[in-house]
C-alpha atoms as a PDB file:
ATOM      1  CA  MET A   1      -0.123   0.188   0.162  1.00  0.00           C
ATOM      2  CA  GLN A   2       1.090   3.632  -0.348  1.00  0.00           C
ATOM      3  CA  SER A   3       1.829   5.860   2.642  1.00  0.00           C
ATOM      4  CA  LEU A   4       3.251   9.853   2.679  1.00  0.00           C
ATOM      5  CA  HIS A   5       6.853  10.051   4.348  1.00  0.00           C
ATOM      6  CA  PHE A   6       8.744  12.850   5.217  1.00  0.00           C
ATOM      7  CA  LEU A   7      12.026  12.365   4.381  1.00  0.00           C
ATOM      8  CA  ALA A   8      13.627  16.617   4.850  1.00  0.00           C
ATOM      9  CA  PRO A   9      12.197  20.066   5.408  1.00  0.00           C
ATOM     10  CA  GLY A  10      10.265  20.730   2.027  1.00  0.00           C
ATOM     11  CA  ARG A  11      10.491  16.826   1.250  1.00  0.00           C
ATOM     12  CA  PHE A  12       7.954  14.429   1.069  1.00  0.00           C
ATOM     13  CA  GLU A  13       7.373  11.031  -0.777  1.00  0.00           C
ATOM     14  CA  TRP A  14       4.974   8.473  -1.226  1.00  0.00           C
ATOM     15  CA  ARG A  15       6.372   4.893  -0.659  1.00  0.00           C
ATOM     16  CA  GLU A  16       5.470   1.211  -1.347  1.00  0.00           C
ATOM     17  CA  VAL A  17       5.002   0.079   2.790  1.00  0.00           C
ATOM     18  CA  ALA A  18       3.405  -3.527   3.820  1.00  0.00           C
ATOM     19  CA  THR A  19      -0.106  -3.753   4.224  1.00  0.00           C
ATOM     20  CA  PRO A  20      -1.501  -3.956   8.116  1.00  0.00           C
ATOM     21  CA  ARG A  21      -3.052  -6.989   8.924  1.00  0.00           C
ATOM     22  CA  LEU A  22      -5.544  -8.259  11.985  1.00  0.00           C
ATOM     23  CA  ALA A  23      -2.503  -9.388  15.158  1.00  0.00           C
ATOM     24  CA  ASP A  24      -5.349  -9.719  17.448  1.00  0.00           C
ATOM     25  CA  ALA A  25      -8.770  -9.770  18.562  1.00  0.00           C
ATOM     26  CA  ARG A  26      -9.101  -6.298  19.318  1.00  0.00           C
ATOM     27  CA  HIS A  27      -7.411  -4.989  16.573  1.00  0.00           C
ATOM     28  CA  ALA A  28      -8.818  -3.092  13.648  1.00  0.00           C
ATOM     29  CA  ILE A  29      -7.693  -1.810  10.120  1.00  0.00           C
ATOM     30  CA  VAL A  30      -9.020   1.186   9.231  1.00  0.00           C
ATOM     31  CA  ARG A  31      -9.284   3.848   5.908  1.00  0.00           C
ATOM     32  CA  PRO A  32      -8.434   7.530   6.426  1.00  0.00           C
ATOM     33  CA  LEU A  33     -11.112   9.746   4.907  1.00  0.00           C
ATOM     34  CA  ALA A  34     -10.136  13.269   5.862  1.00  0.00           C
ATOM     35  CA  VAL A  35      -6.692  14.096   7.327  1.00  0.00           C
ATOM     36  CA  ALA A  36      -5.923  17.534   8.718  1.00  0.00           C
ATOM     37  CA  ARG A  37      -2.528  18.501   9.489  1.00  0.00           C
ATOM     38  CA  CYS A  38      -1.580  19.027  12.817  1.00  0.00           C
ATOM     39  CA  ASP A  39       0.436  22.589  13.628  1.00  0.00           C
ATOM     40  CA  LEU A  40       3.327  20.583  14.483  1.00  0.00           C
ATOM     41  CA  ASP A  41       3.031  18.802  10.957  1.00  0.00           C
ATOM     42  CA  LEU A  42       3.390  22.594   9.684  1.00  0.00           C
ATOM     43  CA  HIS A  43       6.901  23.143  11.533  1.00  0.00           C
ATOM     44  CA  ILE A  44       8.222  19.675  10.551  1.00  0.00           C
ATOM     45  CA  ALA A  45       7.817  20.151   7.185  1.00  0.00           C
ATOM     46  CA  THR A  46       8.995  23.993   7.270  1.00  0.00           C
ATOM     47  CA  GLY A  47      12.270  22.693   9.460  1.00  0.00           C
ATOM     48  CA  ILE A  48      10.761  24.620  12.236  1.00  0.00           C
ATOM     49  CA  VAL A  49      10.684  22.142  14.790  1.00  0.00           C
ATOM     50  CA  PRO A  50      13.932  20.006  13.537  1.00  0.00           C
ATOM     51  CA  PHE A  51      12.775  15.718  13.165  1.00  0.00           C
ATOM     52  CA  ILE A  52      15.155  13.231  11.081  1.00  0.00           C
ATOM     53  CA  GLY A  53      13.204  11.009   8.209  1.00  0.00           C
ATOM     54  CA  PRO A  54      11.943   8.842   6.636  1.00  0.00           C
ATOM     55  CA  PHE A  55       8.737   8.693   8.775  1.00  0.00           C
ATOM     56  CA  ALA A  56       5.193   7.842   8.079  1.00  0.00           C
ATOM     57  CA  PHE A  57       3.582  11.380   8.205  1.00  0.00           C
ATOM     58  CA  GLY A  58      -0.124  12.274   8.998  1.00  0.00           C
ATOM     59  CA  HIS A  59      -1.945  11.532  12.237  1.00  0.00           C
ATOM     60  CA  GLU A  60      -5.418  13.768  12.748  1.00  0.00           C
ATOM     61  CA  CYS A  61      -7.789  11.528  11.010  1.00  0.00           C
ATOM     62  CA  VAL A  62     -11.435  10.331  10.852  1.00  0.00           C
ATOM     63  CA  ALA A  63     -11.877   7.016   8.999  1.00  0.00           C
ATOM     64  CA  GLU A  64     -13.854   3.983   8.129  1.00  0.00           C
ATOM     65  CA  VAL A  65     -13.263   0.212   9.498  1.00  0.00           C
ATOM     66  CA  VAL A  66     -12.040  -2.119   6.861  1.00  0.00           C
ATOM     67  CA  ASP A  67     -11.673  -4.861   9.267  1.00  0.00           C
ATOM     68  CA  ALA A  68     -11.838  -5.872  12.448  1.00  0.00           C
ATOM     69  CA  GLY A  69     -11.325  -8.392  14.949  1.00  0.00           C
ATOM     70  CA  ASP A  70     -14.220 -10.304  16.749  1.00  0.00           C
ATOM     71  CA  ALA A  71     -13.171  -8.068  19.966  1.00  0.00           C
ATOM     72  CA  ALA A  72     -12.826  -4.742  18.269  1.00  0.00           C
ATOM     73  CA  GLY A  73     -16.058  -3.274  19.224  1.00  0.00           C
ATOM     74  CA  VAL A  74     -16.052  -1.608  15.948  1.00  0.00           C
ATOM     75  CA  GLN A  75     -17.774  -2.688  12.216  1.00  0.00           C
ATOM     76  CA  PRO A  76     -16.485  -3.021   8.814  1.00  0.00           C
ATOM     77  CA  GLY A  77     -18.047   0.251   6.984  1.00  0.00           C
ATOM     78  CA  GLN A  78     -18.446   2.560  10.313  1.00  0.00           C
ATOM     79  CA  ARG A  79     -17.070   5.800  10.370  1.00  0.00           C
ATOM     80  CA  VAL A  80     -14.510   6.270  13.669  1.00  0.00           C
ATOM     81  CA  VAL A  81     -12.269   9.162  14.637  1.00  0.00           C
ATOM     82  CA  VAL A  82      -8.955   7.817  15.549  1.00  0.00           C
ATOM     83  CA  PRO A  83      -7.163   9.360  18.209  1.00  0.00           C
ATOM     84  CA  PHE A  84      -3.107  10.669  17.178  1.00  0.00           C
ATOM     85  CA  GLN A  85      -1.826   8.551  20.634  1.00  0.00           C
ATOM     86  CA  LEU A  86      -1.779   4.964  20.938  1.00  0.00           C
ATOM     87  CA  SER A  87      -3.651   3.599  24.466  1.00  0.00           C
ATOM     88  CA  CYS A  88      -5.235   0.332  25.962  1.00  0.00           C
ATOM     89  CA  GLY A  89      -7.281   1.902  27.584  1.00  0.00           C
ATOM     90  CA  ALA A  90      -7.085  -0.445  30.728  1.00  0.00           C
ATOM     91  CA  CYS A  91      -3.562   0.629  32.570  1.00  0.00           C
ATOM     92  CA  GLY A  92      -3.122   3.580  35.639  1.00  0.00           C
ATOM     93  CA  SER A  93      -2.275   6.166  33.569  1.00  0.00           C
ATOM     94  CA  CYS A  94      -5.585   5.218  30.773  1.00  0.00           C
ATOM     95  CA  ARG A  95      -7.577   5.125  33.880  1.00  0.00           C
ATOM     96  CA  ARG A  96      -6.575   8.686  35.029  1.00  0.00           C
ATOM     97  CA  GLY A  97      -7.029  10.013  31.918  1.00  0.00           C
ATOM     98  CA  PHE A  98      -3.597  10.665  30.639  1.00  0.00           C
ATOM     99  CA  THR A  99      -4.206   8.873  27.428  1.00  0.00           C
ATOM    100  CA  GLY A 100      -1.480  10.038  26.155  1.00  0.00           C
ATOM    101  CA  SER A 101       1.147   8.452  27.855  1.00  0.00           C
ATOM    102  CA  CYS A 102      -0.260   5.333  28.697  1.00  0.00           C
ATOM    103  CA  ASP A 103       1.784   2.639  30.859  1.00  0.00           C
ATOM    104  CA  THR A 104       1.710  -0.324  28.120  1.00  0.00           C
ATOM    105  CA  MET A 105       2.914   1.978  25.117  1.00  0.00           C
ATOM    106  CA  PRO A 106       6.296   3.445  24.631  1.00  0.00           C
ATOM    107  CA  PRO A 107       6.750   6.936  25.604  1.00  0.00           C
ATOM    108  CA  LEU A 108       5.452   8.861  22.836  1.00  0.00           C
ATOM    109  CA  ALA A 109       3.466   6.738  20.898  1.00  0.00           C
ATOM    110  CA  ASN A 110       1.683   8.097  18.455  1.00  0.00           C
ATOM    111  CA  TYR A 111       0.826   7.997  14.498  1.00  0.00           C
ATOM    112  CA  GLY A 112       2.731  10.135  11.925  1.00  0.00           C
ATOM    113  CA  LEU A 113       5.776  11.338  14.226  1.00  0.00           C
ATOM    114  CA  ALA A 114       8.651   9.340  14.714  1.00  0.00           C
ATOM    115  CA  THR A 115      12.413  10.130  15.370  1.00  0.00           C
ATOM    116  CA  ALA A 116      15.411   7.717  16.109  1.00  0.00           C
ATOM    117  CA  GLY A 117      15.028   5.095  18.295  1.00  0.00           C
ATOM    118  CA  ARG A 118      11.305   5.774  18.574  1.00  0.00           C
ATOM    119  CA  THR A 119       8.889   2.937  17.447  1.00  0.00           C
ATOM    120  CA  GLU A 120       6.911   3.785  14.352  1.00  0.00           C
ATOM    121  CA  PHE A 121       3.276   3.225  13.832  1.00  0.00           C
ATOM    122  CA  GLY A 122       2.746   4.254  10.572  1.00  0.00           C
ATOM    123  CA  GLY A 123       0.952   7.549   9.230  1.00  0.00           C
ATOM    124  CA  ALA A 124      -2.637   8.591   8.276  1.00  0.00           C
ATOM    125  CA  LEU A 125      -1.580   9.935   5.271  1.00  0.00           C
ATOM    126  CA  ALA A 126      -2.285   6.342   3.664  1.00  0.00           C
ATOM    127  CA  ASP A 127      -4.036   3.787   2.270  1.00  0.00           C
ATOM    128  CA  LEU A 128      -4.484   1.835   5.792  1.00  0.00           C
ATOM    129  CA  MET A 129      -3.716   2.388   9.330  1.00  0.00           C
ATOM    130  CA  HIS A 130      -3.683  -0.945  11.940  1.00  0.00           C
ATOM    131  CA  VAL A 131      -5.586   0.388  15.548  1.00  0.00           C
ATOM    132  CA  PRO A 132      -4.527  -1.729  18.287  1.00  0.00           C
ATOM    133  CA  HIS A 133      -7.232  -1.662  21.312  1.00  0.00           C
ATOM    134  CA  ALA A 134      -9.746  -0.924  18.780  1.00  0.00           C
ATOM    135  CA  ASP A 135     -12.596  -1.330  21.394  1.00  0.00           C
ATOM    136  CA  HIS A 136     -10.897   1.346  23.196  1.00  0.00           C
ATOM    137  CA  MET A 137      -9.504   4.118  20.774  1.00  0.00           C
ATOM    138  CA  LEU A 138     -11.680   4.329  18.151  1.00  0.00           C
ATOM    139  CA  VAL A 139     -14.885   6.801  18.439  1.00  0.00           C
ATOM    140  CA  PRO A 140     -17.783   6.373  16.308  1.00  0.00           C
ATOM    141  CA  LEU A 141     -18.593   9.214  14.026  1.00  0.00           C
ATOM    142  CA  PRO A 142     -21.595  10.744  15.349  1.00  0.00           C
ATOM    143  CA  ALA A 143     -24.489  10.194  12.752  1.00  0.00           C
ATOM    144  CA  GLY A 144     -24.638  13.570  10.530  1.00  0.00           C
ATOM    145  CA  LEU A 145     -20.832  15.066  11.193  1.00  0.00           C
ATOM    146  CA  ASP A 146     -18.994  16.032   8.018  1.00  0.00           C
ATOM    147  CA  PRO A 147     -15.563  13.860   8.091  1.00  0.00           C
ATOM    148  CA  VAL A 148     -13.831  17.030   6.896  1.00  0.00           C
ATOM    149  CA  LYS A 149     -15.019  19.085   9.636  1.00  0.00           C
ATOM    150  CA  VAL A 150     -14.066  16.743  12.284  1.00  0.00           C
ATOM    151  CA  ALA A 151     -10.662  15.466  10.899  1.00  0.00           C
ATOM    152  CA  SER A 152      -8.707  17.616  13.846  1.00  0.00           C
ATOM    153  CA  ALA A 153     -10.306  16.664  16.777  1.00  0.00           C
ATOM    154  CA  THR A 154      -7.925  14.091  17.092  1.00  0.00           C
ATOM    155  CA  ASP A 155      -5.219  16.433  18.171  1.00  0.00           C
ATOM    156  CA  ASN A 156      -5.469  20.103  17.341  1.00  0.00           C
ATOM    157  CA  ILE A 157      -9.276  20.485  18.631  1.00  0.00           C
ATOM    158  CA  VAL A 158      -8.718  18.359  21.948  1.00  0.00           C
ATOM    159  CA  ASP A 159      -5.653  20.694  22.535  1.00  0.00           C
ATOM    160  CA  GLY A 160      -7.843  23.923  22.384  1.00  0.00           C
ATOM    161  CA  TRP A 161     -10.145  22.254  23.982  1.00  0.00           C
ATOM    162  CA  ARG A 162      -8.355  20.539  27.119  1.00  0.00           C
ATOM    163  CA  GLY A 163      -6.940  24.572  27.740  1.00  0.00           C
ATOM    164  CA  VAL A 164     -10.207  25.925  28.632  1.00  0.00           C
ATOM    165  CA  ALA A 165     -13.289  23.511  28.564  1.00  0.00           C
ATOM    166  CA  PRO A 166     -12.526  21.790  32.252  1.00  0.00           C
ATOM    167  CA  GLN A 167     -11.612  24.975  33.391  1.00  0.00           C
ATOM    168  CA  LEU A 168     -14.911  26.542  32.389  1.00  0.00           C
ATOM    169  CA  ALA A 169     -16.507  23.570  33.790  1.00  0.00           C
ATOM    170  CA  ALA A 170     -14.795  23.675  37.204  1.00  0.00           C
ATOM    171  CA  ARG A 171     -15.549  27.832  37.253  1.00  0.00           C
ATOM    172  CA  PRO A 172     -18.666  28.604  34.439  1.00  0.00           C
ATOM    173  CA  GLY A 173     -18.766  32.252  32.943  1.00  0.00           C
ATOM    174  CA  ALA A 174     -14.769  32.920  33.490  1.00  0.00           C
ATOM    175  CA  SER A 175     -13.285  35.275  31.329  1.00  0.00           C
ATOM    176  CA  VAL A 176     -10.683  33.514  28.959  1.00  0.00           C
ATOM    177  CA  LEU A 177      -7.494  34.881  26.917  1.00  0.00           C
ATOM    178  CA  VAL A 178      -5.931  33.143  24.402  1.00  0.00           C
ATOM    179  CA  VAL A 179      -2.056  34.194  22.924  1.00  0.00           C
ATOM    180  CA  GLY A 180      -2.558  33.129  19.521  1.00  0.00           C
ATOM    181  CA  GLY A 181       0.764  32.168  17.213  1.00  0.00           C
ATOM    182  CA  LEU A 182       2.806  29.239  16.887  1.00  0.00           C
ATOM    183  CA  ALA A 183       0.307  26.930  17.383  1.00  0.00           C
ATOM    184  CA  GLN A 184      -2.090  28.548  15.541  1.00  0.00           C
ATOM    185  CA  SER A 185      -4.895  26.597  14.757  1.00  0.00           C
ATOM    186  CA  VAL A 186      -4.744  25.201  18.441  1.00  0.00           C
ATOM    187  CA  GLY A 187      -5.542  28.758  19.362  1.00  0.00           C
ATOM    188  CA  LEU A 188      -8.170  29.355  17.441  1.00  0.00           C
ATOM    189  CA  TYR A 189      -9.666  25.997  18.577  1.00  0.00           C
ATOM    190  CA  ALA A 190      -9.249  27.712  22.472  1.00  0.00           C
ATOM    191  CA  ALA A 191     -11.269  30.526  21.415  1.00  0.00           C
ATOM    192  CA  GLY A 192     -13.913  28.535  19.476  1.00  0.00           C
ATOM    193  CA  ALA A 193     -14.314  26.100  22.726  1.00  0.00           C
ATOM    194  CA  ALA A 194     -14.516  29.119  24.748  1.00  0.00           C
ATOM    195  CA  VAL A 195     -17.344  30.515  23.151  1.00  0.00           C
ATOM    196  CA  ALA A 196     -19.355  27.762  23.002  1.00  0.00           C
ATOM    197  CA  GLN A 197     -18.570  26.489  26.667  1.00  0.00           C
ATOM    198  CA  GLY A 198     -20.135  29.752  27.379  1.00  0.00           C
ATOM    199  CA  ALA A 199     -17.367  31.853  29.040  1.00  0.00           C
ATOM    200  CA  GLY A 200     -18.054  35.138  29.924  1.00  0.00           C
ATOM    201  CA  ARG A 201     -15.411  36.969  27.745  1.00  0.00           C
ATOM    202  CA  VAL A 202     -12.978  35.582  25.059  1.00  0.00           C
ATOM    203  CA  LEU A 203     -10.370  37.893  23.874  1.00  0.00           C
ATOM    204  CA  TYR A 204      -8.112  36.555  21.341  1.00  0.00           C
ATOM    205  CA  LEU A 205      -4.624  38.294  20.646  1.00  0.00           C
ATOM    206  CA  ASP A 206      -2.949  37.747  17.330  1.00  0.00           C
ATOM    207  CA  ASP A 207      -0.293  39.977  15.003  1.00  0.00           C
ATOM    208  CA  ASP A 208      -1.946  37.615  12.071  1.00  0.00           C
ATOM    209  CA  ALA A 209      -4.944  39.223  10.713  1.00  0.00           C
ATOM    210  CA  ASP A 210      -5.940  36.406   8.822  1.00  0.00           C
ATOM    211  CA  ARG A 211      -6.170  34.481  12.487  1.00  0.00           C
ATOM    212  CA  ARG A 212      -7.563  37.039  14.146  1.00  0.00           C
ATOM    213  CA  ALA A 213     -10.698  37.393  11.335  1.00  0.00           C
ATOM    214  CA  ARG A 214     -10.974  33.748  12.112  1.00  0.00           C
ATOM    215  CA  ALA A 215     -11.524  33.836  15.861  1.00  0.00           C
ATOM    216  CA  THR A 216     -14.313  36.606  15.474  1.00  0.00           C
ATOM    217  CA  ALA A 217     -15.788  34.386  12.974  1.00  0.00           C
ATOM    218  CA  MET A 218     -15.897  31.734  15.941  1.00  0.00           C
ATOM    219  CA  GLY A 219     -17.745  34.309  18.439  1.00  0.00           C
ATOM    220  CA  ALA A 220     -14.169  36.002  20.323  1.00  0.00           C
ATOM    221  CA  ASP A 221     -13.198  39.415  20.560  1.00  0.00           C
ATOM    222  CA  ALA A 222      -9.900  39.728  18.802  1.00  0.00           C
ATOM    223  CA  ALA A 223      -7.203  42.571  18.695  1.00  0.00           C
ATOM    224  CA  PRO A 224      -3.397  42.701  17.765  1.00  0.00           C
ATOM    225  CA  LEU A 225      -0.867  41.303  20.109  1.00  0.00           C
ATOM    226  CA  ALA A 226       1.556  44.238  20.094  1.00  0.00           C
ATOM    227  CA  LEU A 227       3.718  42.530  22.421  1.00  0.00           C
ATOM    228  CA  ALA A 228       6.915  44.036  23.480  1.00  0.00           C
ATOM    229  CA  GLU A 229       9.263  42.586  26.050  1.00  0.00           C
ATOM    230  CA  GLY A 230       8.020  43.332  29.754  1.00  0.00           C
ATOM    231  CA  ARG A 231       4.338  44.033  28.613  1.00  0.00           C
ATOM    232  CA  ARG A 232       1.685  44.656  31.348  1.00  0.00           C
ATOM    233  CA  PRO A 233      -1.569  43.326  29.981  1.00  0.00           C
ATOM    234  CA  ALA A 234      -4.529  45.623  29.995  1.00  0.00           C
ATOM    235  CA  GLU A 235      -7.156  43.270  31.793  1.00  0.00           C
ATOM    236  CA  LEU A 236      -6.475  40.282  33.863  1.00  0.00           C
ATOM    237  CA  PHE A 237      -7.959  36.936  32.874  1.00  0.00           C
ATOM    238  CA  ASP A 238      -8.805  33.505  34.782  1.00  0.00           C
ATOM    239  CA  ILE A 239      -8.260  31.635  32.263  1.00  0.00           C
ATOM    240  CA  VAL A 240      -5.563  31.823  29.945  1.00  0.00           C
ATOM    241  CA  VAL A 241      -4.238  29.758  26.671  1.00  0.00           C
ATOM    242  CA  GLU A 242      -0.556  30.457  25.110  1.00  0.00           C
ATOM    243  CA  ALA A 243      -0.225  29.127  21.616  1.00  0.00           C
ATOM    244  CA  ALA A 244       2.441  31.557  20.562  1.00  0.00           C
ATOM    245  CA  GLY A 245       5.216  29.770  21.344  1.00  0.00           C
ATOM    246  CA  THR A 246       8.002  32.362  22.575  1.00  0.00           C
ATOM    247  CA  PRO A 247       9.023  33.271  26.055  1.00  0.00           C
ATOM    248  CA  ASP A 248       7.683  36.833  25.766  1.00  0.00           C
ATOM    249  CA  ALA A 249       4.637  35.705  24.867  1.00  0.00           C
ATOM    250  CA  LEU A 250       4.253  33.237  27.794  1.00  0.00           C
ATOM    251  CA  GLY A 251       5.503  35.838  30.062  1.00  0.00           C
ATOM    252  CA  PHE A 252       2.857  38.110  29.165  1.00  0.00           C
ATOM    253  CA  ALA A 253       0.158  35.408  29.106  1.00  0.00           C
ATOM    254  CA  ILE A 254       1.677  34.372  33.015  1.00  0.00           C
ATOM    255  CA  ARG A 255       1.193  38.579  34.011  1.00  0.00           C
ATOM    256  CA  SER A 256      -2.631  38.503  32.071  1.00  0.00           C
ATOM    257  CA  GLY A 257      -3.494  35.869  34.694  1.00  0.00           C
ATOM    258  CA  ALA A 258      -5.977  36.955  37.340  1.00  0.00           C
ATOM    259  CA  ARG A 259      -5.296  35.569  40.963  1.00  0.00           C
ATOM    260  CA  ASN A 260      -5.728  31.869  41.117  1.00  0.00           C
ATOM    261  CA  ALA A 261      -5.913  31.617  37.345  1.00  0.00           C
ATOM    262  CA  VAL A 262      -5.300  28.659  35.072  1.00  0.00           C
ATOM    263  CA  LEU A 263      -2.778  29.128  32.250  1.00  0.00           C
ATOM    264  CA  THR A 264      -2.166  25.973  29.584  1.00  0.00           C
ATOM    265  CA  SER A 265       0.943  26.637  27.142  1.00  0.00           C
ATOM    266  CA  VAL A 266       0.297  24.443  24.070  1.00  0.00           C
ATOM    267  CA  ALA A 267       2.938  26.004  22.155  1.00  0.00           C
ATOM    268  CA  ILE A 268       6.204  23.925  22.470  1.00  0.00           C
ATOM    269  CA  HIS A 269       8.836  25.866  23.446  1.00  0.00           C
ATOM    270  CA  LEU A 270      11.760  25.018  21.506  1.00  0.00           C
ATOM    271  CA  GLY A 271      14.967  26.058  23.581  1.00  0.00           C
ATOM    272  CA  ARG A 272      16.767  24.208  26.148  1.00  0.00           C
ATOM    273  CA  THR A 273      15.482  26.644  28.837  1.00  0.00           C
ATOM    274  CA  THR A 274      12.622  28.959  28.646  1.00  0.00           C
ATOM    275  CA  PRO A 275      12.465  31.886  31.389  1.00  0.00           C
ATOM    276  CA  VAL A 276       8.871  32.749  33.026  1.00  0.00           C
ATOM    277  CA  PRO A 277       8.075  35.361  36.218  1.00  0.00           C
ATOM    278  CA  LEU A 278       7.822  32.480  37.921  1.00  0.00           C
ATOM    279  CA  THR A 279       7.335  34.755  41.403  1.00  0.00           C
ATOM    280  CA  GLU A 280       4.506  36.599  40.085  1.00  0.00           C
ATOM    281  CA  ALA A 281       2.708  33.529  39.319  1.00  0.00           C
ATOM    282  CA  TYR A 282       3.271  32.276  42.639  1.00  0.00           C
ATOM    283  CA  TYR A 283       1.773  35.249  44.477  1.00  0.00           C
ATOM    284  CA  LYS A 284      -1.153  34.881  41.864  1.00  0.00           C
ATOM    285  CA  GLY A 285      -1.617  31.629  43.014  1.00  0.00           C
ATOM    286  CA  LEU A 286      -1.615  31.002  39.041  1.00  0.00           C
ATOM    287  CA  THR A 287      -1.669  27.280  37.787  1.00  0.00           C
ATOM    288  CA  LEU A 288       0.675  26.500  34.802  1.00  0.00           C
ATOM    289  CA  VAL A 289      -0.369  23.354  32.375  1.00  0.00           C
ATOM    290  CA  THR A 290       2.122  22.554  30.021  1.00  0.00           C
ATOM    291  CA  ALA A 291       1.806  19.218  28.315  1.00  0.00           C
ATOM    292  CA  ARG A 292       0.528  16.707  25.583  1.00  0.00           C
ATOM    293  CA  ALA A 293      -3.443  16.871  25.316  1.00  0.00           C
ATOM    294  CA  ASP A 294      -4.954  13.376  26.036  1.00  0.00           C
ATOM    295  CA  SER A 295      -6.684  13.090  22.882  1.00  0.00           C
ATOM    296  CA  ARG A 296      -8.646   9.461  23.546  1.00  0.00           C
ATOM    297  CA  ALA A 297      -9.714  10.914  27.084  1.00  0.00           C
ATOM    298  CA  HIS A 298     -11.374  14.583  26.027  1.00  0.00           C
ATOM    299  CA  LEU A 299     -12.440  13.132  22.210  1.00  0.00           C
ATOM    300  CA  PRO A 300     -16.274  12.269  23.627  1.00  0.00           C
ATOM    301  CA  ALA A 301     -16.726  15.975  25.024  1.00  0.00           C
ATOM    302  CA  VAL A 302     -15.337  17.126  21.852  1.00  0.00           C
ATOM    303  CA  LEU A 303     -16.983  15.312  19.308  1.00  0.00           C
ATOM    304  CA  ASP A 304     -20.592  16.003  21.619  1.00  0.00           C
ATOM    305  CA  CYS A 305     -20.006  19.720  21.505  1.00  0.00           C
ATOM    306  CA  LEU A 306     -18.952  19.435  17.625  1.00  0.00           C
ATOM    307  CA  ALA A 307     -22.641  17.206  16.979  1.00  0.00           C
ATOM    308  CA  CYS A 308     -24.769  19.724  18.947  1.00  0.00           C
ATOM    309  CA  GLY A 309     -23.151  22.500  16.589  1.00  0.00           C
ATOM    310  CA  ARG A 310     -21.530  24.896  19.190  1.00  0.00           C
ATOM    311  CA  LEU A 311     -18.114  24.341  18.433  1.00  0.00           C
ATOM    312  CA  HIS A 312     -17.127  25.626  14.357  1.00  0.00           C
ATOM    313  CA  PRO A 313     -13.577  24.111  13.083  1.00  0.00           C
ATOM    314  CA  GLU A 314     -14.479  25.124   9.618  1.00  0.00           C
ATOM    315  CA  HIS A 315     -13.612  28.879  10.563  1.00  0.00           C
ATOM    316  CA  VAL A 316     -10.448  27.587  10.878  1.00  0.00           C
ATOM    317  CA  THR A 317      -9.957  25.198   7.700  1.00  0.00           C
ATOM    318  CA  HIS A 318      -8.691  27.292   4.712  1.00  0.00           C
ATOM    319  CA  ARG A 319      -7.902  24.786   2.044  1.00  0.00           C
ATOM    320  CA  VAL A 320      -9.208  21.372   1.039  1.00  0.00           C
ATOM    321  CA  LEU A 321      -7.637  19.300  -0.715  1.00  0.00           C
ATOM    322  CA  GLY A 322      -6.882  15.375  -2.380  1.00  0.00           C
ATOM    323  CA  PHE A 323      -4.474  13.134  -0.860  1.00  0.00           C
ATOM    324  CA  ALA A 324      -2.164  13.113  -3.651  1.00  0.00           C
ATOM    325  CA  GLU A 325      -1.222  16.912  -2.875  1.00  0.00           C
ATOM    326  CA  ALA A 326      -0.725  16.265   0.257  1.00  0.00           C
ATOM    327  CA  GLY A 327       3.287  16.119  -0.195  1.00  0.00           C
ATOM    328  CA  GLU A 328       3.506  19.075  -2.046  1.00  0.00           C
ATOM    329  CA  ALA A 329       0.908  21.421   0.352  1.00  0.00           C
ATOM    330  CA  MET A 330       2.581  20.482   3.523  1.00  0.00           C
ATOM    331  CA  THR A 331       4.363  23.960   3.799  1.00  0.00           C
ATOM    332  CA  ASP A 332       1.199  26.577   3.102  1.00  0.00           C
ATOM    333  CA  PRO A 333       1.461  28.658   5.783  1.00  0.00           C
ATOM    334  CA  GLY A 334      -2.373  28.724   6.504  1.00  0.00           C
ATOM    335  CA  PRO A 335      -3.642  27.280   9.655  1.00  0.00           C
ATOM    336  CA  LYS A 336      -5.227  24.221   8.925  1.00  0.00           C
ATOM    337  CA  LEU A 337      -5.145  22.139   5.764  1.00  0.00           C
ATOM    338  CA  VAL A 338      -7.844  18.932   5.429  1.00  0.00           C
ATOM    339  CA  PHE A 339      -6.559  16.303   3.120  1.00  0.00           C
ATOM    340  CA  VAL A 340      -9.810  13.788   1.541  1.00  0.00           C
ATOM    341  CA  ARG A 341      -9.545  10.939  -0.557  1.00  0.00           C
END
């Protein structure tokens, strides 16, 4: 079968690889229908985040089951959402909701990303994908939802969601600030999720005019970030999401937190060290969260919000292309590409 591989920044190649087969009663084989480009995919493709190829690419997808074991919990022909992280659903970490760090899987076990010395599990930009623990991992696509609309739910939508939805559940009507930038779609999804979950005020700050317009379309207020070193915020927020990926932006996000605020940094800070104003965070009682999102744990709530029509990720998607165009289009700088079969 064919699978798109990352070779080096700006270089992709379709390669012939072995067709996956069922190896266990809980396993399934799925055929990707719609695959979204993750924010990290763009930065790997352009070389901003250094990865060494070759490895199979793509990890955000909606798929159709083509074969399933007797205990897989799904049937051929069923449409499913495939979490980008592999997890068993039964270990201590999974039972606590940390499905991104399953005890039975190698560290950072996921589709479409690999580095030297790490096990590769294949990618979503392929004819087929092998899914272990399918009875736990695969989430049925709610009736009526367009796979293109939902394709990014497995990673970037979940990533934005976890920065605001649990916090708003604990503190209904709280104010939300999103500092947008490097993790461009995640920041936009966070703003949209905050609106969907009833935040009292949602402000999206970004120097990119196109992304500000998309945030406004999702119901948020938007303004330029205009970040200067040491800039003090004009107002304070109960919930803050930092998606800009720079030390100055992270510092501004901390300074923007109100007392007992929760700040989630969804961007990947690439420096060996990142300076932060911890003294200010300490006196505010601010909680700082930075980690990969636990995809499978949050997916049901995200899909329910999408099915109810409260969250509108279509405002983030800027192009829909065919699978065959994926390699050439991967460096497109826009916020969200979706590839369809």
